[in-house]
Amino acid sequence: IQLRLQAMPCRIGTVSLRPTFSAGVTIWQPGHDLERSITDADQALYRAKREGRNRIVLDESIGNTTSPSMN
């Protein structure tokens, strides 16, 4: 998704825009309910935005993995 969005030209009048994509990802863990999993993914998304956007961040309880920015 990230690469495809980045490759899509977006022009509004004379202004050219480059879309970006950020995501927070988690894996369901035994003992976690749906609300906890959503919260974990949401926190990872906010971390992706703080770290420069246009990246995919894995929930810290899973690991400390961030995709490189696709700039």
PDB file of N, CA and C in Angstrom:
ATOM      1  N   ILE A   1       0.840  -1.189   0.000  1.00  0.00           N
ATOM      2  CA  ILE A   1       0.000   0.000   0.000  1.00  0.00           C
ATOM      3  C   ILE A   1       0.878   1.243   0.000  1.00  0.00           C
ATOM      4  N   GLN A   2       1.884   1.235   0.850  1.00  0.00           N
ATOM      5  CA  GLN A   2       2.760   2.399   0.973  1.00  0.00           C
ATOM      6  C   GLN A   2       3.439   2.715  -0.358  1.00  0.00           C
ATOM      7  N   LEU A   3       3.993   1.713  -0.998  1.00  0.00           N
ATOM      8  CA  LEU A   3       4.698   1.939  -2.265  1.00  0.00           C
ATOM      9  C   LEU A   3       3.748   2.357  -3.383  1.00  0.00           C
ATOM     10  N   ARG A   4       2.585   1.755  -3.434  1.00  0.00           N
ATOM     11  CA  ARG A   4       1.619   2.112  -4.487  1.00  0.00           C
ATOM     12  C   ARG A   4       1.115   3.536  -4.333  1.00  0.00           C
ATOM     13  N   LEU A   5       0.830   3.943  -3.118  1.00  0.00           N
ATOM     14  CA  LEU A   5       0.380   5.316  -2.899  1.00  0.00           C
ATOM     15  C   LEU A   5       1.463   6.318  -3.289  1.00  0.00           C
ATOM     16  N   GLN A   6       2.685   6.008  -2.921  1.00  0.00           N
ATOM     17  CA  GLN A   6       3.789   6.906  -3.230  1.00  0.00           C
ATOM     18  C   GLN A   6       3.982   7.050  -4.746  1.00  0.00           C
ATOM     19  N   ALA A   7       3.661   6.012  -5.487  1.00  0.00           N
ATOM     20  CA  ALA A   7       3.841   6.031  -6.941  1.00  0.00           C
ATOM     21  C   ALA A   7       2.686   6.722  -7.666  1.00  0.00           C
ATOM     22  N   MET A   8       1.608   7.015  -6.965  1.00  0.00           N
ATOM     23  CA  MET A   8       0.431   7.629  -7.601  1.00  0.00           C
ATOM     24  C   MET A   8       0.601   9.142  -7.702  1.00  0.00           C
ATOM     25  N   PRO A   9       0.552   9.667  -8.911  1.00  0.00           N
ATOM     26  CA  PRO A   9       0.609  11.129  -9.034  1.00  0.00           C
ATOM     27  C   PRO A   9      -0.690  11.743  -8.514  1.00  0.00           C
ATOM     28  N   CYS A  10      -0.574  12.824  -7.827  1.00  0.00           N
ATOM     29  CA  CYS A  10      -1.751  13.511  -7.293  1.00  0.00           C
ATOM     30  C   CYS A  10      -1.594  14.995  -7.614  1.00  0.00           C
ATOM     31  N   ARG A  11      -2.431  15.476  -8.501  1.00  0.00           N
ATOM     32  CA  ARG A  11      -2.328  16.865  -8.921  1.00  0.00           C
ATOM     33  C   ARG A  11      -3.683  17.537  -8.711  1.00  0.00           C
ATOM     34  N   ILE A  12      -3.636  18.687  -8.044  1.00  0.00           N
ATOM     35  CA  ILE A  12      -4.833  19.505  -7.842  1.00  0.00           C
ATOM     36  C   ILE A  12      -4.531  20.851  -8.472  1.00  0.00           C
ATOM     37  N   GLY A  13      -5.118  21.079  -9.632  1.00  0.00           N
ATOM     38  CA  GLY A  13      -4.810  22.297 -10.376  1.00  0.00           C
ATOM     39  C   GLY A  13      -3.350  22.285 -10.778  1.00  0.00           C
ATOM     40  N   THR A  14      -2.622  23.277 -10.347  1.00  0.00           N
ATOM     41  CA  THR A  14      -1.198  23.359 -10.669  1.00  0.00           C
ATOM     42  C   THR A  14      -0.317  22.815  -9.549  1.00  0.00           C
ATOM     43  N   VAL A  15      -0.938  22.340  -8.478  1.00  0.00           N
ATOM     44  CA  VAL A  15      -0.190  21.840  -7.320  1.00  0.00           C
ATOM     45  C   VAL A  15      -0.035  20.320  -7.419  1.00  0.00           C
ATOM     46  N   SER A  16       1.184  19.850  -7.286  1.00  0.00           N
ATOM     47  CA  SER A  16       1.468  18.421  -7.301  1.00  0.00           C
ATOM     48  C   SER A  16       1.717  17.963  -5.863  1.00  0.00           C
ATOM     49  N   LEU A  17       1.001  16.930  -5.450  1.00  0.00           N
ATOM     50  CA  LEU A  17       1.129  16.401  -4.088  1.00  0.00           C
ATOM     51  C   LEU A  17       1.634  14.968  -4.135  1.00  0.00           C
ATOM     52  N   ARG A  18       2.353  14.583  -3.107  1.00  0.00           N
ATOM     53  CA  ARG A  18       2.827  13.203  -2.993  1.00  0.00           C
ATOM     54  C   ARG A  18       2.193  12.566  -1.761  1.00  0.00           C
ATOM     55  N   PRO A  19       1.316  11.595  -1.952  1.00  0.00           N
ATOM     56  CA  PRO A  19       0.674  10.967  -0.795  1.00  0.00           C
ATOM     57  C   PRO A  19       1.672  10.134   0.004  1.00  0.00           C
ATOM     58  N   THR A  20       1.410  10.028   1.297  1.00  0.00           N
ATOM     59  CA  THR A  20       2.206   9.182   2.180  1.00  0.00           C
ATOM     60  C   THR A  20       1.280   8.224   2.903  1.00  0.00           C
ATOM     61  N   PHE A  21       1.860   7.193   3.508  1.00  0.00           N
ATOM     62  CA  PHE A  21       1.083   6.184   4.211  1.00  0.00           C
ATOM     63  C   PHE A  21       1.819   5.787   5.477  1.00  0.00           C
ATOM     64  N   SER A  22       1.147   5.879   6.604  1.00  0.00           N
ATOM     65  CA  SER A  22       1.703   5.411   7.867  1.00  0.00           C
ATOM     66  C   SER A  22       0.741   4.392   8.463  1.00  0.00           C
ATOM     67  N   ALA A  23       1.302   3.406   9.160  1.00  0.00           N
ATOM     68  CA  ALA A  23       0.457   2.384   9.780  1.00  0.00           C
ATOM     69  C   ALA A  23       1.105   1.909  11.071  1.00  0.00           C
ATOM     70  N   GLY A  24       0.261   1.510  11.999  1.00  0.00           N
ATOM     71  CA  GLY A  24       0.698   0.839  13.216  1.00  0.00           C
ATOM     72  C   GLY A  24       0.199  -0.584  13.162  1.00  0.00           C
ATOM     73  N   VAL A  25       1.071  -1.533  13.428  1.00  0.00           N
ATOM     74  CA  VAL A  25       0.733  -2.950  13.285  1.00  0.00           C
ATOM     75  C   VAL A  25       0.984  -3.665  14.606  1.00  0.00           C
ATOM     76  N   THR A  26       0.091  -4.571  14.934  1.00  0.00           N
ATOM     77  CA  THR A  26       0.274  -5.411  16.112  1.00  0.00           C
ATOM     78  C   THR A  26      -0.136  -6.832  15.770  1.00  0.00           C
ATOM     79  N   ILE A  27       0.156  -7.732  16.658  1.00  0.00           N
ATOM     80  CA  ILE A  27      -0.241  -9.136  16.523  1.00  0.00           C
ATOM     81  C   ILE A  27      -1.038  -9.480  17.762  1.00  0.00           C
ATOM     82  N   TRP A  28      -2.178 -10.125  17.576  1.00  0.00           N
ATOM     83  CA  TRP A  28      -2.974 -10.522  18.732  1.00  0.00           C
ATOM     84  C   TRP A  28      -2.134 -11.442  19.613  1.00  0.00           C
ATOM     85  N   GLN A  29      -2.217 -11.195  20.907  1.00  0.00           N
ATOM     86  CA  GLN A  29      -1.482 -12.009  21.871  1.00  0.00           C
ATOM     87  C   GLN A  29      -2.466 -12.649  22.838  1.00  0.00           C
ATOM     88  N   PRO A  30      -2.196 -13.872  23.260  1.00  0.00           N
ATOM     89  CA  PRO A  30      -3.090 -14.525  24.213  1.00  0.00           C
ATOM     90  C   PRO A  30      -3.300 -13.634  25.434  1.00  0.00           C
ATOM     91  N   GLY A  31      -4.543 -13.515  25.839  1.00  0.00           N
ATOM     92  CA  GLY A  31      -4.888 -12.699  26.993  1.00  0.00           C
ATOM     93  C   GLY A  31      -5.274 -11.278  26.634  1.00  0.00           C
ATOM     94  N   HIS A  32      -5.030 -10.860  25.402  1.00  0.00           N
ATOM     95  CA  HIS A  32      -5.410  -9.519  24.965  1.00  0.00           C
ATOM     96  C   HIS A  32      -6.775  -9.574  24.291  1.00  0.00           C
ATOM     97  N   ASP A  33      -7.635  -8.656  24.658  1.00  0.00           N
ATOM     98  CA  ASP A  33      -8.920  -8.569  23.982  1.00  0.00           C
ATOM     99  C   ASP A  33      -8.777  -7.655  22.757  1.00  0.00           C
ATOM    100  N   LEU A  34      -9.841  -7.531  21.988  1.00  0.00           N
ATOM    101  CA  LEU A  34      -9.804  -6.720  20.772  1.00  0.00           C
ATOM    102  C   LEU A  34      -9.450  -5.277  21.076  1.00  0.00           C
ATOM    103  N   GLU A  35     -10.015  -4.724  22.145  1.00  0.00           N
ATOM    104  CA  GLU A  35      -9.747  -3.331  22.501  1.00  0.00           C
ATOM    105  C   GLU A  35      -8.258  -3.108  22.775  1.00  0.00           C
ATOM    106  N   ARG A  36      -7.624  -4.028  23.463  1.00  0.00           N
ATOM    107  CA  ARG A  36      -6.180  -3.916  23.748  1.00  0.00           C
ATOM    108  C   ARG A  36      -5.371  -3.958  22.446  1.00  0.00           C
ATOM    109  N   SER A  37      -5.743  -4.848  21.540  1.00  0.00           N
ATOM    110  CA  SER A  37      -5.034  -4.951  20.257  1.00  0.00           C
ATOM    111  C   SER A  37      -5.182  -3.670  19.442  1.00  0.00           C
ATOM    112  N   ILE A  38      -6.367  -3.090  19.443  1.00  0.00           N
ATOM    113  CA  ILE A  38      -6.587  -1.832  18.723  1.00  0.00           C
ATOM    114  C   ILE A  38      -5.763  -0.713  19.358  1.00  0.00           C
ATOM    115  N   THR A  39      -5.729  -0.662  20.677  1.00  0.00           N
ATOM    116  CA  THR A  39      -4.930   0.347  21.378  1.00  0.00           C
ATOM    117  C   THR A  39      -3.447   0.200  21.041  1.00  0.00           C
ATOM    118  N   ASP A  40      -2.940  -1.032  21.023  1.00  0.00           N
ATOM    119  CA  ASP A  40      -1.530  -1.269  20.691  1.00  0.00           C
ATOM    120  C   ASP A  40      -1.211  -0.807  19.275  1.00  0.00           C
ATOM    121  N   ALA A  41      -2.088  -1.125  18.322  1.00  0.00           N
ATOM    122  CA  ALA A  41      -1.876  -0.699  16.931  1.00  0.00           C
ATOM    123  C   ALA A  41      -1.964   0.823  16.814  1.00  0.00           C
ATOM    124  N   ASP A  42      -2.885   1.421  17.539  1.00  0.00           N
ATOM    125  CA  ASP A  42      -3.055   2.876  17.507  1.00  0.00           C
ATOM    126  C   ASP A  42      -1.811   3.580  18.049  1.00  0.00           C
ATOM    127  N   GLN A  43      -1.254   3.061  19.136  1.00  0.00           N
ATOM    128  CA  GLN A  43      -0.032   3.648  19.692  1.00  0.00           C
ATOM    129  C   GLN A  43       1.127   3.525  18.704  1.00  0.00           C
ATOM    130  N   ALA A  44       1.201   2.406  18.002  1.00  0.00           N
ATOM    131  CA  ALA A  44       2.249   2.231  16.995  1.00  0.00           C
ATOM    132  C   ALA A  44       2.062   3.219  15.846  1.00  0.00           C
ATOM    133  N   LEU A  45       0.814   3.487  15.465  1.00  0.00           N
ATOM    134  CA  LEU A  45       0.545   4.468  14.409  1.00  0.00           C
ATOM    135  C   LEU A  45       1.010   5.858  14.827  1.00  0.00           C
ATOM    136  N   TYR A  46       0.709   6.260  16.039  1.00  0.00           N
ATOM    137  CA  TYR A  46       1.148   7.578  16.505  1.00  0.00           C
ATOM    138  C   TYR A  46       2.672   7.656  16.574  1.00  0.00           C
ATOM    139  N   ARG A  47       3.315   6.540  16.925  1.00  0.00           N
ATOM    140  CA  ARG A  47       4.778   6.516  16.921  1.00  0.00           C
ATOM    141  C   ARG A  47       5.314   6.702  15.498  1.00  0.00           C
ATOM    142  N   ALA A  48       4.669   6.079  14.519  1.00  0.00           N
ATOM    143  CA  ALA A  48       5.074   6.235  13.117  1.00  0.00           C
ATOM    144  C   ALA A  48       4.983   7.696  12.699  1.00  0.00           C
ATOM    145  N   LYS A  49       3.928   8.356  13.107  1.00  0.00           N
ATOM    146  CA  LYS A  49       3.765   9.768  12.759  1.00  0.00           C
ATOM    147  C   LYS A  49       4.809  10.635  13.446  1.00  0.00           C
ATOM    148  N   ARG A  50       5.105  10.354  14.710  1.00  0.00           N
ATOM    149  CA  ARG A  50       6.131  11.120  15.436  1.00  0.00           C
ATOM    150  C   ARG A  50       7.518  10.935  14.826  1.00  0.00           C
ATOM    151  N   GLU A  51       7.778   9.756  14.287  1.00  0.00           N
ATOM    152  CA  GLU A  51       9.105   9.439  13.751  1.00  0.00           C
ATOM    153  C   GLU A  51       9.295   9.904  12.312  1.00  0.00           C
ATOM    154  N   GLY A  52       8.339  10.628  11.783  1.00  0.00           N
ATOM    155  CA  GLY A  52       8.542  11.197  10.453  1.00  0.00           C
ATOM    156  C   GLY A  52       7.512  10.803   9.423  1.00  0.00           C
ATOM    157  N   ARG A  53       6.520  10.084   9.794  1.00  0.00           N
ATOM    158  CA  ARG A  53       5.457   9.671   8.896  1.00  0.00           C
ATOM    159  C   ARG A  53       5.978   8.812   7.749  1.00  0.00           C
ATOM    160  N   ASN A  54       5.068   8.411   6.880  1.00  0.00           N
ATOM    161  CA  ASN A  54       5.373   7.586   5.712  1.00  0.00           C
ATOM    162  C   ASN A  54       6.178   6.344   6.103  1.00  0.00           C
ATOM    163  N   ARG A  55       5.714   5.655   7.127  1.00  0.00           N
ATOM    164  CA  ARG A  55       6.391   4.452   7.600  1.00  0.00           C
ATOM    165  C   ARG A  55       5.399   3.524   8.280  1.00  0.00           C
ATOM    166  N   ILE A  56       5.816   2.298   8.482  1.00  0.00           N
ATOM    167  CA  ILE A  56       5.003   1.293   9.151  1.00  0.00           C
ATOM    168  C   ILE A  56       5.758   0.884  10.416  1.00  0.00           C
ATOM    169  N   VAL A  57       5.080   0.954  11.553  1.00  0.00           N
ATOM    170  CA  VAL A  57       5.722   0.663  12.836  1.00  0.00           C
ATOM    171  C   VAL A  57       5.017  -0.514  13.499  1.00  0.00           C
ATOM    172  N   LEU A  58       5.815  -1.447  13.992  1.00  0.00           N
ATOM    173  CA  LEU A  58       5.314  -2.601  14.721  1.00  0.00           C
ATOM    174  C   LEU A  58       5.171  -2.238  16.192  1.00  0.00           C
ATOM    175  N   ASP A  59       4.082  -2.651  16.795  1.00  0.00           N
ATOM    176  CA  ASP A  59       3.804  -2.413  18.215  1.00  0.00           C
ATOM    177  C   ASP A  59       5.025  -2.776  19.062  1.00  0.00           C
ATOM    178  N   GLU A  60       5.388  -1.901  20.007  1.00  0.00           N
ATOM    179  CA  GLU A  60       6.583  -2.098  20.832  1.00  0.00           C
ATOM    180  C   GLU A  60       6.546  -3.385  21.659  1.00  0.00           C
ATOM    181  N   SER A  61       5.362  -3.882  21.994  1.00  0.00           N
ATOM    182  CA  SER A  61       5.306  -5.123  22.772  1.00  0.00           C
ATOM    183  C   SER A  61       5.702  -6.319  21.908  1.00  0.00           C
ATOM    184  N   ILE A  62       5.681  -6.166  20.593  1.00  0.00           N
ATOM    185  CA  ILE A  62       6.080  -7.230  19.675  1.00  0.00           C
ATOM    186  C   ILE A  62       7.568  -7.130  19.376  1.00  0.00           C
ATOM    187  N   GLY A  63       8.028  -5.916  19.195  1.00  0.00           N
ATOM    188  CA  GLY A  63       9.423  -5.676  18.853  1.00  0.00           C
ATOM    189  C   GLY A  63       9.598  -4.210  18.550  1.00  0.00           C
ATOM    190  N   ASN A  64      10.783  -3.823  18.277  1.00  0.00           N
ATOM    191  CA  ASN A  64      11.065  -2.422  18.000  1.00  0.00           C
ATOM    192  C   ASN A  64      11.416  -2.267  16.524  1.00  0.00           C
ATOM    193  N   THR A  65      10.470  -2.583  15.658  1.00  0.00           N
ATOM    194  CA  THR A  65      10.731  -2.580  14.226  1.00  0.00           C
ATOM    195  C   THR A  65       9.986  -1.458  13.542  1.00  0.00           C
ATOM    196  N   THR A  66      10.685  -0.724  12.707  1.00  0.00           N
ATOM    197  CA  THR A  66      10.104   0.349  11.917  1.00  0.00           C
ATOM    198  C   THR A  66      10.552   0.179  10.483  1.00  0.00           C
ATOM    199  N   SER A  67       9.613   0.313   9.557  1.00  0.00           N
ATOM    200  CA  SER A  67      10.029   0.298   8.156  1.00  0.00           C
ATOM    201  C   SER A  67      10.739   1.587   7.847  1.00  0.00           C
ATOM    202  N   PRO A  68      11.699   1.553   6.949  1.00  0.00           N
ATOM    203  CA  PRO A  68      12.332   2.820   6.562  1.00  0.00           C
ATOM    204  C   PRO A  68      11.339   3.688   5.838  1.00  0.00           C
ATOM    205  N   SER A  69      11.526   4.978   5.972  1.00  0.00           N
ATOM    206  CA  SER A  69      10.709   5.909   5.220  1.00  0.00           C
ATOM    207  C   SER A  69      10.954   5.680   3.745  1.00  0.00           C
ATOM    208  N   MET A  70       9.921   5.716   2.958  1.00  0.00           N
ATOM    209  CA  MET A  70      10.046   5.444   1.535  1.00  0.00           C
ATOM    210  C   MET A  70      10.246   6.712   0.739  1.00  0.00           C
ATOM    211  N   ASN A  71      10.988   7.666   1.269  1.00  0.00           N
ATOM    212  CA  ASN A  71      11.219   8.930   0.567  1.00  0.00           C
ATOM    213  C   ASN A  71      12.132   8.764  -0.604  1.00  0.00           C
TER     214      ASN A  71
END
